[in-house]
Amino acid sequence: MFNKDDTTFYELREKSVMKWLEDLKVHRDVEVRGGVEITLEYIEGLEKKIKRLEEKNLLKDKYLKKMRDEL
């Protein structure tokens, strides 16, 4: 009934991208190194936004369930 989603692909993809970005941090080109920092900040911002939206969605679901139970 409660099957856990298989996130193996997403975890591998995330690890691969992070490893690639870590490797680029030591690139001799300043623009590349700067791009890595900007990319990491952008990813962090997206992760925060996803977390906030998931929390908002849970709150909405809780409210709708309460409304449904009252009917």
N, C-alpha and C. Protein backbone atom coordinates (compact mmCIF):
# COMPACT_ATOMS: atom_id res chain seq x y z
N MET A 1 0.81 -1.18 0.00
CA MET A 1 0.00 0.00 0.00
C MET A 1 0.86 1.26 0.00
N PHE A 2 1.85 1.29 0.87
CA PHE A 2 2.74 2.45 0.93
C PHE A 2 4.10 2.06 0.36
N ASN A 3 4.22 2.13 -0.93
CA ASN A 3 5.48 1.80 -1.58
C ASN A 3 6.36 3.02 -1.63
N LYS A 4 7.61 2.84 -1.27
CA LYS A 4 8.57 3.93 -1.33
C LYS A 4 9.01 4.11 -2.78
N ASP A 5 9.03 5.35 -3.22
CA ASP A 5 9.44 5.63 -4.59
C ASP A 5 10.92 5.29 -4.77
N ASP A 6 11.24 4.75 -5.94
CA ASP A 6 12.63 4.44 -6.26
C ASP A 6 13.29 5.71 -6.79
N THR A 7 14.20 6.27 -6.00
CA THR A 7 14.87 7.51 -6.37
C THR A 7 16.33 7.29 -6.76
N THR A 8 16.67 6.06 -7.07
CA THR A 8 18.06 5.72 -7.39
C THR A 8 18.58 6.56 -8.54
N PHE A 9 17.81 6.70 -9.61
CA PHE A 9 18.25 7.46 -10.76
C PHE A 9 18.54 8.91 -10.38
N TYR A 10 17.64 9.52 -9.61
CA TYR A 10 17.80 10.92 -9.23
C TYR A 10 19.00 11.13 -8.31
N GLU A 11 19.22 10.17 -7.42
CA GLU A 11 20.37 10.26 -6.52
C GLU A 11 21.67 10.13 -7.29
N LEU A 12 21.74 9.19 -8.22
CA LEU A 12 22.94 9.03 -9.04
C LEU A 12 23.20 10.28 -9.89
N ARG A 13 22.13 10.84 -10.44
CA ARG A 13 22.28 12.03 -11.27
C ARG A 13 22.78 13.20 -10.43
N GLU A 14 22.22 13.36 -9.24
CA GLU A 14 22.65 14.46 -8.38
C GLU A 14 24.11 14.30 -7.97
N LYS A 15 24.50 13.09 -7.59
CA LYS A 15 25.89 12.84 -7.19
C LYS A 15 26.84 13.10 -8.35
N SER A 16 26.43 12.69 -9.55
CA SER A 16 27.26 12.89 -10.73
C SER A 16 27.46 14.38 -11.02
N VAL A 17 26.38 15.15 -10.96
CA VAL A 17 26.48 16.59 -11.22
C VAL A 17 27.33 17.26 -10.16
N MET A 18 27.14 16.90 -8.90
CA MET A 18 27.92 17.51 -7.82
C MET A 18 29.41 17.17 -7.95
N LYS A 19 29.70 15.94 -8.33
CA LYS A 19 31.10 15.55 -8.54
C LYS A 19 31.71 16.35 -9.68
N TRP A 20 30.95 16.53 -10.76
CA TRP A 20 31.42 17.29 -11.90
C TRP A 20 31.69 18.74 -11.50
N LEU A 21 30.77 19.32 -10.72
CA LEU A 21 30.97 20.70 -10.27
C LEU A 21 32.17 20.82 -9.34
N GLU A 22 32.35 19.83 -8.46
CA GLU A 22 33.52 19.85 -7.57
C GLU A 22 34.81 19.79 -8.38
N ASP A 23 34.82 18.99 -9.44
CA ASP A 23 36.00 18.90 -10.30
C ASP A 23 36.27 20.23 -11.01
N LEU A 24 35.21 20.93 -11.38
CA LEU A 24 35.37 22.21 -12.07
C LEU A 24 35.79 23.34 -11.14
N LYS A 25 35.65 23.15 -9.83
CA LYS A 25 36.06 24.19 -8.88
C LYS A 25 37.55 24.49 -8.95
N VAL A 26 38.33 23.54 -9.40
CA VAL A 26 39.78 23.74 -9.48
C VAL A 26 40.24 24.05 -10.91
N HIS A 27 39.30 24.36 -11.78
CA HIS A 27 39.63 24.69 -13.17
C HIS A 27 40.48 25.95 -13.19
N ARG A 28 41.38 26.04 -14.14
CA ARG A 28 42.28 27.20 -14.17
C ARG A 28 41.59 28.47 -14.66
N ASP A 29 40.47 28.33 -15.35
CA ASP A 29 39.74 29.48 -15.87
C ASP A 29 38.85 30.07 -14.76
N VAL A 30 39.03 31.36 -14.50
CA VAL A 30 38.29 32.04 -13.44
C VAL A 30 36.80 32.05 -13.74
N GLU A 31 36.43 32.21 -14.97
CA GLU A 31 35.01 32.23 -15.34
C GLU A 31 34.34 30.89 -15.03
N VAL A 32 35.03 29.82 -15.27
CA VAL A 32 34.48 28.49 -14.98
C VAL A 32 34.29 28.33 -13.48
N ARG A 33 35.29 28.71 -12.70
CA ARG A 33 35.19 28.60 -11.24
C ARG A 33 34.05 29.46 -10.72
N GLY A 34 33.92 30.66 -11.27
CA GLY A 34 32.82 31.54 -10.86
C GLY A 34 31.47 30.95 -11.24
N GLY A 35 31.40 30.34 -12.40
CA GLY A 35 30.16 29.71 -12.84
C GLY A 35 29.75 28.56 -11.94
N VAL A 36 30.74 27.84 -11.43
CA VAL A 36 30.47 26.73 -10.51
C VAL A 36 29.81 27.27 -9.24
N GLU A 37 30.36 28.34 -8.69
CA GLU A 37 29.80 28.91 -7.47
C GLU A 37 28.37 29.40 -7.70
N ILE A 38 28.14 30.06 -8.81
CA ILE A 38 26.79 30.54 -9.13
C ILE A 38 25.83 29.37 -9.29
N THR A 39 26.28 28.31 -9.95
CA THR A 39 25.45 27.13 -10.16
C THR A 39 25.09 26.47 -8.84
N LEU A 40 26.07 26.33 -7.95
CA LEU A 40 25.81 25.72 -6.64
C LEU A 40 24.83 26.56 -5.83
N GLU A 41 24.96 27.88 -5.89
CA GLU A 41 24.01 28.75 -5.18
C GLU A 41 22.61 28.61 -5.78
N TYR A 42 22.53 28.50 -7.09
CA TYR A 42 21.24 28.35 -7.76
C TYR A 42 20.57 27.03 -7.36
N ILE A 43 21.35 25.96 -7.35
CA ILE A 43 20.82 24.65 -6.95
C ILE A 43 20.33 24.70 -5.51
N GLU A 44 21.10 25.34 -4.64
CA GLU A 44 20.69 25.47 -3.23
C GLU A 44 19.39 26.25 -3.11
N GLY A 45 19.25 27.31 -3.89
CA GLY A 45 18.02 28.09 -3.88
C GLY A 45 16.83 27.28 -4.35
N LEU A 46 17.04 26.47 -5.40
CA LEU A 46 15.97 25.62 -5.90
C LEU A 46 15.55 24.58 -4.87
N GLU A 47 16.53 24.01 -4.18
CA GLU A 47 16.21 23.02 -3.15
C GLU A 47 15.40 23.64 -2.02
N LYS A 48 15.74 24.87 -1.62
CA LYS A 48 14.97 25.56 -0.58
C LYS A 48 13.55 25.83 -1.06
N LYS A 49 13.42 26.24 -2.32
CA LYS A 49 12.10 26.52 -2.87
C LYS A 49 11.25 25.26 -2.93
N ILE A 50 11.86 24.15 -3.33
CA ILE A 50 11.14 22.87 -3.38
C ILE A 50 10.66 22.49 -1.98
N LYS A 51 11.53 22.62 -0.98
CA LYS A 51 11.15 22.28 0.38
C LYS A 51 9.99 23.16 0.85
N ARG A 52 10.07 24.45 0.58
CA ARG A 52 9.01 25.36 0.98
C ARG A 52 7.68 25.00 0.31
N LEU A 53 7.73 24.67 -0.98
CA LEU A 53 6.51 24.30 -1.70
C LEU A 53 5.94 22.98 -1.20
N GLU A 54 6.80 22.03 -0.85
CA GLU A 54 6.32 20.76 -0.30
C GLU A 54 5.63 20.98 1.04
N GLU A 55 6.20 21.86 1.88
CA GLU A 55 5.58 22.16 3.16
C GLU A 55 4.23 22.85 2.95
N LYS A 56 4.18 23.75 2.00
CA LYS A 56 2.93 24.45 1.68
C LYS A 56 1.88 23.46 1.19
N ASN A 57 2.30 22.52 0.37
CA ASN A 57 1.39 21.51 -0.16
C ASN A 57 0.85 20.62 0.96
N LEU A 58 1.71 20.24 1.90
CA LEU A 58 1.25 19.44 3.04
C LEU A 58 0.23 20.21 3.88
N LEU A 59 0.47 21.48 4.09
CA LEU A 59 -0.46 22.31 4.84
C LEU A 59 -1.80 22.39 4.12
N LYS A 60 -1.75 22.57 2.80
CA LYS A 60 -2.98 22.64 2.00
C LYS A 60 -3.74 21.31 2.09
N ASP A 61 -3.03 20.20 1.95
CA ASP A 61 -3.67 18.89 2.04
C ASP A 61 -4.32 18.67 3.40
N LYS A 62 -3.63 19.10 4.45
CA LYS A 62 -4.16 18.97 5.80
C LYS A 62 -5.44 19.79 5.94
N TYR A 63 -5.43 21.00 5.43
CA TYR A 63 -6.60 21.87 5.49
C TYR A 63 -7.77 21.28 4.70
N LEU A 64 -7.50 20.78 3.49
CA LEU A 64 -8.57 20.20 2.67
C LEU A 64 -9.15 18.94 3.32
N LYS A 65 -8.29 18.15 3.95
CA LYS A 65 -8.78 16.95 4.64
C LYS A 65 -9.69 17.36 5.80
N LYS A 66 -9.30 18.39 6.51
CA LYS A 66 -10.12 18.87 7.63
C LYS A 66 -11.46 19.37 7.12
N MET A 67 -11.45 20.09 6.01
CA MET A 67 -12.69 20.61 5.42
C MET A 67 -13.59 19.46 4.97
N ARG A 68 -12.98 18.45 4.36
CA ARG A 68 -13.75 17.29 3.89
C ARG A 68 -14.38 16.54 5.05
N ASP A 69 -13.63 16.40 6.14
CA ASP A 69 -14.15 15.69 7.30
C ASP A 69 -15.29 16.43 7.97
N GLU A 70 -15.32 17.74 7.84
CA GLU A 70 -16.37 18.54 8.44
C GLU A 70 -17.68 18.45 7.63
N LEU A 71 -17.58 18.08 6.38
CA LEU A 71 -18.79 18.00 5.55
C LEU A 71 -19.57 16.77 5.81
